[in-house]
Amino acid sequence: MTDSEKAVAIVEALKAAEHEPAAVALPILNGLVGLVQAHAEAPLEVEEARSSAFMAICEIGKALHRGQPADALWAPAINAAERWKSLVR
């Protein structure tokens, strides 16, 4: 799977998980971790965008796991993933 395909899958999964309860969203987010990991060297801008998406996904997961509100975290995570997607096309 290319980085572009991974980024597309992540954006789609985030958009789908956003409207799910925590019990459903958490497994979806956990499944994204492997997709966000870097497997090859990339330009710094791409790596920064990828790592921003990863951190944003982790923040949502942490909030959901702790039972904290995550509504405000979804848009930044989706935006970070969209940015990464735009750079790897």
PDB file of N, CA and C in Angstrom:
ATOM      1  N   MET A   1       0.851  -1.167   0.000  1.00  0.00           N
ATOM      2  CA  MET A   1       0.000   0.000   0.000  1.00  0.00           C
ATOM      3  C   MET A   1       0.907   1.243   0.000  1.00  0.00           C
ATOM      4  N   THR A   2       0.641   2.160  -0.897  1.00  0.00           N
ATOM      5  CA  THR A   2       1.437   3.386  -0.982  1.00  0.00           C
ATOM      6  C   THR A   2       1.045   4.355   0.137  1.00  0.00           C
ATOM      7  N   ASP A   3       1.906   5.343   0.366  1.00  0.00           N
ATOM      8  CA  ASP A   3       1.570   6.358   1.367  1.00  0.00           C
ATOM      9  C   ASP A   3       0.291   7.092   0.985  1.00  0.00           C
ATOM     10  N   SER A   4       0.103   7.315  -0.296  1.00  0.00           N
ATOM     11  CA  SER A   4      -1.110   7.987  -0.762  1.00  0.00           C
ATOM     12  C   SER A   4      -2.348   7.159  -0.424  1.00  0.00           C
ATOM     13  N   GLU A   5      -2.281   5.869  -0.677  1.00  0.00           N
ATOM     14  CA  GLU A   5      -3.407   4.980  -0.356  1.00  0.00           C
ATOM     15  C   GLU A   5      -3.650   4.923   1.151  1.00  0.00           C
ATOM     16  N   LYS A   6      -2.557   4.907   1.922  1.00  0.00           N
ATOM     17  CA  LYS A   6      -2.690   4.902   3.380  1.00  0.00           C
ATOM     18  C   LYS A   6      -3.375   6.175   3.864  1.00  0.00           C
ATOM     19  N   ALA A   7      -2.948   7.307   3.330  1.00  0.00           N
ATOM     20  CA  ALA A   7      -3.525   8.587   3.746  1.00  0.00           C
ATOM     21  C   ALA A   7      -5.008   8.657   3.412  1.00  0.00           C
ATOM     22  N   VAL A   8      -5.379   8.175   2.236  1.00  0.00           N
ATOM     23  CA  VAL A   8      -6.794   8.154   1.847  1.00  0.00           C
ATOM     24  C   VAL A   8      -7.586   7.277   2.817  1.00  0.00           C
ATOM     25  N   ALA A   9      -7.053   6.101   3.129  1.00  0.00           N
ATOM     26  CA  ALA A   9      -7.736   5.186   4.047  1.00  0.00           C
ATOM     27  C   ALA A   9      -7.889   5.809   5.433  1.00  0.00           C
ATOM     28  N   ILE A  10      -6.876   6.530   5.874  1.00  0.00           N
ATOM     29  CA  ILE A  10      -6.926   7.159   7.193  1.00  0.00           C
ATOM     30  C   ILE A  10      -7.977   8.256   7.234  1.00  0.00           C
ATOM     31  N   VAL A  11      -8.014   9.096   6.213  1.00  0.00           N
ATOM     32  CA  VAL A  11      -9.018  10.166   6.167  1.00  0.00           C
ATOM     33  C   VAL A  11     -10.419   9.559   6.190  1.00  0.00           C
ATOM     34  N   GLU A  12     -10.644   8.537   5.378  1.00  0.00           N
ATOM     35  CA  GLU A  12     -11.961   7.894   5.328  1.00  0.00           C
ATOM     36  C   GLU A  12     -12.326   7.277   6.678  1.00  0.00           C
ATOM     37  N   ALA A  13     -11.359   6.607   7.309  1.00  0.00           N
ATOM     38  CA  ALA A  13     -11.627   5.969   8.599  1.00  0.00           C
ATOM     39  C   ALA A  13     -11.915   7.005   9.683  1.00  0.00           C
ATOM     40  N   LEU A  14     -11.173   8.099   9.679  1.00  0.00           N
ATOM     41  CA  LEU A  14     -11.423   9.156  10.667  1.00  0.00           C
ATOM     42  C   LEU A  14     -12.818   9.746  10.500  1.00  0.00           C
ATOM     43  N   LYS A  15     -13.205   9.989   9.262  1.00  0.00           N
ATOM     44  CA  LYS A  15     -14.534  10.550   9.011  1.00  0.00           C
ATOM     45  C   LYS A  15     -15.628   9.581   9.443  1.00  0.00           C
ATOM     46  N   ALA A  16     -15.400   8.293   9.247  1.00  0.00           N
ATOM     47  CA  ALA A  16     -16.385   7.293   9.658  1.00  0.00           C
ATOM     48  C   ALA A  16     -16.425   7.154  11.176  1.00  0.00           C
ATOM     49  N   ALA A  17     -15.265   7.149  11.816  1.00  0.00           N
ATOM     50  CA  ALA A  17     -15.191   6.947  13.266  1.00  0.00           C
ATOM     51  C   ALA A  17     -15.698   8.151  14.049  1.00  0.00           C
ATOM     52  N   GLU A  18     -15.626   9.328  13.438  1.00  0.00           N
ATOM     53  CA  GLU A  18     -16.009  10.566  14.120  1.00  0.00           C
ATOM     54  C   GLU A  18     -17.423  10.510  14.687  1.00  0.00           C
ATOM     55  N   HIS A  19     -18.314   9.834  14.024  1.00  0.00           N
ATOM     56  CA  HIS A  19     -19.722   9.817  14.427  1.00  0.00           C
ATOM     57  C   HIS A  19     -20.108   8.554  15.191  1.00  0.00           C
ATOM     58  N   GLU A  20     -19.109   7.778  15.573  1.00  0.00           N
ATOM     59  CA  GLU A  20     -19.362   6.534  16.299  1.00  0.00           C
ATOM     60  C   GLU A  20     -19.118   6.730  17.792  1.00  0.00           C
ATOM     61  N   PRO A  21     -19.750   5.899  18.612  1.00  0.00           N
ATOM     62  CA  PRO A  21     -19.444   5.947  20.045  1.00  0.00           C
ATOM     63  C   PRO A  21     -18.009   5.466  20.288  1.00  0.00           C
ATOM     64  N   ALA A  22     -17.478   5.805  21.434  1.00  0.00           N
ATOM     65  CA  ALA A  22     -16.087   5.471  21.752  1.00  0.00           C
ATOM     66  C   ALA A  22     -15.783   3.984  21.582  1.00  0.00           C
ATOM     67  N   ALA A  23     -16.708   3.129  21.980  1.00  0.00           N
ATOM     68  CA  ALA A  23     -16.473   1.684  21.895  1.00  0.00           C
ATOM     69  C   ALA A  23     -16.267   1.214  20.459  1.00  0.00           C
ATOM     70  N   VAL A  24     -16.834   1.921  19.514  1.00  0.00           N
ATOM     71  CA  VAL A  24     -16.673   1.580  18.096  1.00  0.00           C
ATOM     72  C   VAL A  24     -15.487   2.339  17.506  1.00  0.00           C
ATOM     73  N   ALA A  25     -15.324   3.595  17.894  1.00  0.00           N
ATOM     74  CA  ALA A  25     -14.267   4.439  17.325  1.00  0.00           C
ATOM     75  C   ALA A  25     -12.871   3.993  17.747  1.00  0.00           C
ATOM     76  N   LEU A  26     -12.708   3.567  18.987  1.00  0.00           N
ATOM     77  CA  LEU A  26     -11.374   3.186  19.466  1.00  0.00           C
ATOM     78  C   LEU A  26     -10.728   2.074  18.647  1.00  0.00           C
ATOM     79  N   PRO A  27     -11.429   0.972  18.354  1.00  0.00           N
ATOM     80  CA  PRO A  27     -10.800  -0.056  17.520  1.00  0.00           C
ATOM     81  C   PRO A  27     -10.443   0.451  16.119  1.00  0.00           C
ATOM     82  N   ILE A  28     -11.259   1.343  15.588  1.00  0.00           N
ATOM     83  CA  ILE A  28     -10.954   1.923  14.274  1.00  0.00           C
ATOM     84  C   ILE A  28      -9.656   2.713  14.367  1.00  0.00           C
ATOM     85  N   LEU A  29      -9.537   3.555  15.390  1.00  0.00           N
ATOM     86  CA  LEU A  29      -8.326   4.356  15.572  1.00  0.00           C
ATOM     87  C   LEU A  29      -7.105   3.476  15.807  1.00  0.00           C
ATOM     88  N   ASN A  30      -7.262   2.436  16.610  1.00  0.00           N
ATOM     89  CA  ASN A  30      -6.144   1.518  16.855  1.00  0.00           C
ATOM     90  C   ASN A  30      -5.663   0.872  15.565  1.00  0.00           C
ATOM     91  N   GLY A  31      -6.587   0.611  14.654  1.00  0.00           N
ATOM     92  CA  GLY A  31      -6.222   0.019  13.370  1.00  0.00           C
ATOM     93  C   GLY A  31      -5.469   0.962  12.455  1.00  0.00           C
ATOM     94  N   LEU A  32      -5.522   2.248  12.741  1.00  0.00           N
ATOM     95  CA  LEU A  32      -4.841   3.234  11.899  1.00  0.00           C
ATOM     96  C   LEU A  32      -3.368   3.392  12.244  1.00  0.00           C
ATOM     97  N   VAL A  33      -2.969   2.975  13.419  1.00  0.00           N
ATOM     98  CA  VAL A  33      -1.594   3.201  13.870  1.00  0.00           C
ATOM     99  C   VAL A  33      -0.579   2.630  12.885  1.00  0.00           C
ATOM    100  N   GLY A  34      -0.797   1.430  12.426  1.00  0.00           N
ATOM    101  CA  GLY A  34       0.131   0.820  11.473  1.00  0.00           C
ATOM    102  C   GLY A  34       0.178   1.541  10.144  1.00  0.00           C
ATOM    103  N   LEU A  35      -0.933   2.144   9.761  1.00  0.00           N
ATOM    104  CA  LEU A  35      -0.970   2.865   8.490  1.00  0.00           C
ATOM    105  C   LEU A  35      -0.225   4.192   8.559  1.00  0.00           C
ATOM    106  N   VAL A  36      -0.175   4.797   9.727  1.00  0.00           N
ATOM    107  CA  VAL A  36       0.451   6.111   9.860  1.00  0.00           C
ATOM    108  C   VAL A  36       1.962   5.996  10.046  1.00  0.00           C
ATOM    109  N   GLN A  37       2.448   4.832  10.424  1.00  0.00           N
ATOM    110  CA  GLN A  37       3.885   4.665  10.631  1.00  0.00           C
ATOM    111  C   GLN A  37       4.638   4.785   9.315  1.00  0.00           C
ATOM    112  N   ALA A  38       5.816   5.395   9.387  1.00  0.00           N
ATOM    113  CA  ALA A  38       6.660   5.553   8.197  1.00  0.00           C
ATOM    114  C   ALA A  38       7.423   4.258   7.942  1.00  0.00           C
ATOM    115  N   HIS A  39       7.504   3.874   6.677  1.00  0.00           N
ATOM    116  CA  HIS A  39       8.250   2.672   6.311  1.00  0.00           C
ATOM    117  C   HIS A  39       9.371   2.982   5.335  1.00  0.00           C
ATOM    118  N   ALA A  40       9.444   4.220   4.906  1.00  0.00           N
ATOM    119  CA  ALA A  40      10.503   4.639   3.992  1.00  0.00           C
ATOM    120  C   ALA A  40      10.795   6.110   4.246  1.00  0.00           C
ATOM    121  N   GLU A  41      11.969   6.513   3.843  1.00  0.00           N
ATOM    122  CA  GLU A  41      12.342   7.915   4.023  1.00  0.00           C
ATOM    123  C   GLU A  41      11.511   8.793   3.098  1.00  0.00           C
ATOM    124  N   ALA A  42      11.131   9.948   3.616  1.00  0.00           N
ATOM    125  CA  ALA A  42      10.323  10.897   2.846  1.00  0.00           C
ATOM    126  C   ALA A  42      10.841  12.303   3.138  1.00  0.00           C
ATOM    127  N   PRO A  43      10.496  13.260   2.288  1.00  0.00           N
ATOM    128  CA  PRO A  43      10.897  14.645   2.560  1.00  0.00           C
ATOM    129  C   PRO A  43      10.392  15.105   3.928  1.00  0.00           C
ATOM    130  N   LEU A  44      11.111  16.034   4.519  1.00  0.00           N
ATOM    131  CA  LEU A  44      10.792  16.509   5.863  1.00  0.00           C
ATOM    132  C   LEU A  44       9.350  16.997   5.979  1.00  0.00           C
ATOM    133  N   GLU A  45       8.865  17.724   4.997  1.00  0.00           N
ATOM    134  CA  GLU A  45       7.495  18.244   5.040  1.00  0.00           C
ATOM    135  C   GLU A  45       6.474  17.106   5.109  1.00  0.00           C
ATOM    136  N   VAL A  46       6.736  16.037   4.375  1.00  0.00           N
ATOM    137  CA  VAL A  46       5.843  14.874   4.385  1.00  0.00           C
ATOM    138  C   VAL A  46       5.903  14.192   5.751  1.00  0.00           C
ATOM    139  N   GLU A  47       7.113  14.034   6.280  1.00  0.00           N
ATOM    140  CA  GLU A  47       7.266  13.390   7.588  1.00  0.00           C
ATOM    141  C   GLU A  47       6.590  14.197   8.694  1.00  0.00           C
ATOM    142  N   GLU A  48       6.703  15.511   8.620  1.00  0.00           N
ATOM    143  CA  GLU A  48       6.043  16.353   9.619  1.00  0.00           C
ATOM    144  C   GLU A  48       4.525  16.234   9.522  1.00  0.00           C
ATOM    145  N   ALA A  49       4.001  16.195   8.318  1.00  0.00           N
ATOM    146  CA  ALA A  49       2.553  16.052   8.133  1.00  0.00           C
ATOM    147  C   ALA A  49       2.082  14.685   8.618  1.00  0.00           C
ATOM    148  N   ARG A  50       2.855  13.647   8.311  1.00  0.00           N
ATOM    149  CA  ARG A  50       2.518  12.297   8.755  1.00  0.00           C
ATOM    150  C   ARG A  50       2.528  12.216  10.276  1.00  0.00           C
ATOM    151  N   SER A  51       3.566  12.777  10.890  1.00  0.00           N
ATOM    152  CA  SER A  51       3.654  12.705  12.346  1.00  0.00           C
ATOM    153  C   SER A  51       2.565  13.547  13.017  1.00  0.00           C
ATOM    154  N   SER A  52       2.179  14.648  12.401  1.00  0.00           N
ATOM    155  CA  SER A  52       1.070  15.452  12.936  1.00  0.00           C
ATOM    156  C   SER A  52      -0.232  14.663  12.905  1.00  0.00           C
ATOM    157  N   ALA A  53      -0.456  13.942  11.820  1.00  0.00           N
ATOM    158  CA  ALA A  53      -1.653  13.099  11.724  1.00  0.00           C
ATOM    159  C   ALA A  53      -1.621  12.013  12.796  1.00  0.00           C
ATOM    160  N   PHE A  54      -0.456  11.390  12.973  1.00  0.00           N
ATOM    161  CA  PHE A  54      -0.307  10.342  13.976  1.00  0.00           C
ATOM    162  C   PHE A  54      -0.608  10.878  15.375  1.00  0.00           C
ATOM    163  N   MET A  55      -0.028  12.020  15.709  1.00  0.00           N
ATOM    164  CA  MET A  55      -0.236  12.594  17.038  1.00  0.00           C
ATOM    165  C   MET A  55      -1.698  12.984  17.255  1.00  0.00           C
ATOM    166  N   ALA A  56      -2.332  13.514  16.229  1.00  0.00           N
ATOM    167  CA  ALA A  56      -3.741  13.903  16.346  1.00  0.00           C
ATOM    168  C   ALA A  56      -4.626  12.679  16.566  1.00  0.00           C
ATOM    169  N   ILE A  57      -4.321  11.592  15.876  1.00  0.00           N
ATOM    170  CA  ILE A  57      -5.070  10.343  16.058  1.00  0.00           C
ATOM    171  C   ILE A  57      -4.869   9.825  17.480  1.00  0.00           C
ATOM    172  N   CYS A  58      -3.637   9.898  17.968  1.00  0.00           N
ATOM    173  CA  CYS A  58      -3.353   9.459  19.339  1.00  0.00           C
ATOM    174  C   CYS A  58      -4.110  10.291  20.368  1.00  0.00           C
ATOM    175  N   GLU A  59      -4.214  11.586  20.134  1.00  0.00           N
ATOM    176  CA  GLU A  59      -4.945  12.463  21.056  1.00  0.00           C
ATOM    177  C   GLU A  59      -6.420  12.068  21.140  1.00  0.00           C
ATOM    178  N   ILE A  60      -7.009  11.759  20.003  1.00  0.00           N
ATOM    179  CA  ILE A  60      -8.412  11.317  20.010  1.00  0.00           C
ATOM    180  C   ILE A  60      -8.532  10.014  20.785  1.00  0.00           C
ATOM    181  N   GLY A  61      -7.659   9.065  20.476  1.00  0.00           N
ATOM    182  CA  GLY A  61      -7.697   7.776  21.156  1.00  0.00           C
ATOM    183  C   GLY A  61      -7.541   7.913  22.659  1.00  0.00           C
ATOM    184  N   LYS A  62      -6.627   8.769  23.068  1.00  0.00           N
ATOM    185  CA  LYS A  62      -6.395   8.994  24.498  1.00  0.00           C
ATOM    186  C   LYS A  62      -7.646   9.573  25.159  1.00  0.00           C
ATOM    187  N   ALA A  63      -8.254  10.556  24.518  1.00  0.00           N
ATOM    188  CA  ALA A  63      -9.466  11.165  25.077  1.00  0.00           C
ATOM    189  C   ALA A  63     -10.600  10.148  25.164  1.00  0.00           C
ATOM    190  N   LEU A  64     -10.809   9.393  24.104  1.00  0.00           N
ATOM    191  CA  LEU A  64     -11.886   8.398  24.107  1.00  0.00           C
ATOM    192  C   LEU A  64     -11.639   7.335  25.171  1.00  0.00           C
ATOM    193  N   HIS A  65     -10.404   6.887  25.282  1.00  0.00           N
ATOM    194  CA  HIS A  65     -10.055   5.857  26.259  1.00  0.00           C
ATOM    195  C   HIS A  65     -10.318   6.336  27.687  1.00  0.00           C
ATOM    196  N   ARG A  66     -10.085   7.613  27.929  1.00  0.00           N
ATOM    197  CA  ARG A  66     -10.278   8.185  29.268  1.00  0.00           C
ATOM    198  C   ARG A  66     -11.707   8.663  29.510  1.00  0.00           C
ATOM    199  N   GLY A  67     -12.556   8.537  28.493  1.00  0.00           N
ATOM    200  CA  GLY A  67     -13.934   8.987  28.636  1.00  0.00           C
ATOM    201  C   GLY A  67     -14.079  10.500  28.587  1.00  0.00           C
ATOM    202  N   GLN A  68     -13.091  11.171  28.028  1.00  0.00           N
ATOM    203  CA  GLN A  68     -13.121  12.630  27.919  1.00  0.00           C
ATOM    204  C   GLN A  68     -13.749  13.045  26.597  1.00  0.00           C
ATOM    205  N   PRO A  69     -14.248  14.279  26.514  1.00  0.00           N
ATOM    206  CA  PRO A  69     -14.827  14.760  25.254  1.00  0.00           C
ATOM    207  C   PRO A  69     -13.767  14.798  24.152  1.00  0.00           C
ATOM    208  N   ALA A  70     -14.139  14.342  22.974  1.00  0.00           N
ATOM    209  CA  ALA A  70     -13.202  14.322  21.852  1.00  0.00           C
ATOM    210  C   ALA A  70     -13.747  15.077  20.646  1.00  0.00           C
ATOM    211  N   ASP A  71     -14.918  15.674  20.790  1.00  0.00           N
ATOM    212  CA  ASP A  71     -15.551  16.338  19.642  1.00  0.00           C
ATOM    213  C   ASP A  71     -14.638  17.351  18.964  1.00  0.00           C
ATOM    214  N   ALA A  72     -13.915  18.124  19.735  1.00  0.00           N
ATOM    215  CA  ALA A  72     -13.057  19.171  19.169  1.00  0.00           C
ATOM    216  C   ALA A  72     -11.764  18.621  18.579  1.00  0.00           C
ATOM    217  N   LEU A  73     -11.487  17.340  18.787  1.00  0.00           N
ATOM    218  CA  LEU A  73     -10.231  16.753  18.312  1.00  0.00           C
ATOM    219  C   LEU A  73     -10.336  16.149  16.914  1.00  0.00           C
ATOM    220  N   TRP A  74     -11.538  15.854  16.481  1.00  0.00           N
ATOM    221  CA  TRP A  74     -11.707  15.181  15.193  1.00  0.00           C
ATOM    222  C   TRP A  74     -11.291  16.049  14.010  1.00  0.00           C
ATOM    223  N   ALA A  75     -11.755  17.290  13.975  1.00  0.00           N
ATOM    224  CA  ALA A  75     -11.447  18.166  12.831  1.00  0.00           C
ATOM    225  C   ALA A  75      -9.946  18.376  12.657  1.00  0.00           C
ATOM    226  N   PRO A  76      -9.185  18.661  13.725  1.00  0.00           N
ATOM    227  CA  PRO A  76      -7.739  18.798  13.538  1.00  0.00           C
ATOM    228  C   PRO A  76      -7.074  17.508  13.045  1.00  0.00           C
ATOM    229  N   ALA A  77      -7.568  16.359  13.506  1.00  0.00           N
ATOM    230  CA  ALA A  77      -6.998  15.088  13.054  1.00  0.00           C
ATOM    231  C   ALA A  77      -7.295  14.854  11.577  1.00  0.00           C
ATOM    232  N   ILE A  78      -8.521  15.124  11.178  1.00  0.00           N
ATOM    233  CA  ILE A  78      -8.892  14.964   9.769  1.00  0.00           C
ATOM    234  C   ILE A  78      -8.101  15.945   8.914  1.00  0.00           C
ATOM    235  N   ASN A  79      -7.957  17.179   9.382  1.00  0.00           N
ATOM    236  CA  ASN A  79      -7.178  18.171   8.635  1.00  0.00           C
ATOM    237  C   ASN A  79      -5.717  17.757   8.509  1.00  0.00           C
ATOM    238  N   ALA A  80      -5.147  17.212   9.580  1.00  0.00           N
ATOM    239  CA  ALA A  80      -3.755  16.755   9.536  1.00  0.00           C
ATOM    240  C   ALA A  80      -3.597  15.606   8.545  1.00  0.00           C
ATOM    241  N   ALA A  81      -4.546  14.685   8.551  1.00  0.00           N
ATOM    242  CA  ALA A  81      -4.493  13.565   7.607  1.00  0.00           C
ATOM    243  C   ALA A  81      -4.693  14.048   6.171  1.00  0.00           C
ATOM    244  N   GLU A  82      -5.571  15.011   5.987  1.00  0.00           N
ATOM    245  CA  GLU A  82      -5.788  15.588   4.648  1.00  0.00           C
ATOM    246  C   GLU A  82      -4.514  16.276   4.144  1.00  0.00           C
ATOM    247  N   ARG A  83      -3.824  16.970   5.044  1.00  0.00           N
ATOM    248  CA  ARG A  83      -2.575  17.631   4.652  1.00  0.00           C
ATOM    249  C   ARG A  83      -1.547  16.594   4.222  1.00  0.00           C
ATOM    250  N   TRP A  84      -1.407  15.533   5.005  1.00  0.00           N
ATOM    251  CA  TRP A  84      -0.472  14.469   4.651  1.00  0.00           C
ATOM    252  C   TRP A  84      -0.857  13.880   3.293  1.00  0.00           C
ATOM    253  N   LYS A  85      -2.152  13.630   3.121  1.00  0.00           N
ATOM    254  CA  LYS A  85      -2.642  13.078   1.851  1.00  0.00           C
ATOM    255  C   LYS A  85      -2.277  13.988   0.683  1.00  0.00           C
ATOM    256  N   SER A  86      -2.419  15.283   0.859  1.00  0.00           N
ATOM    257  CA  SER A  86      -2.121  16.221  -0.235  1.00  0.00           C
ATOM    258  C   SER A  86      -0.638  16.231  -0.588  1.00  0.00           C
ATOM    259  N   LEU A  87       0.211  15.920   0.368  1.00  0.00           N
ATOM    260  CA  LEU A  87       1.655  15.935   0.124  1.00  0.00           C
ATOM    261  C   LEU A  87       2.179  14.645  -0.494  1.00  0.00           C
ATOM    262  N   VAL A  88       1.468  13.553  -0.320  1.00  0.00           N
ATOM    263  CA  VAL A  88       1.961  12.270  -0.842  1.00  0.00           C
ATOM    264  C   VAL A  88       1.311  11.867  -2.157  1.00  0.00           C
ATOM    265  N   ARG A  89       0.469  12.701  -2.701  1.00  0.00           N
ATOM    266  CA  ARG A  89      -0.158  12.394  -3.998  1.00  0.00           C
ATOM    267  C   ARG A  89       0.832  12.531  -5.108  1.00  0.00           C
TER     268      ARG A  89
END
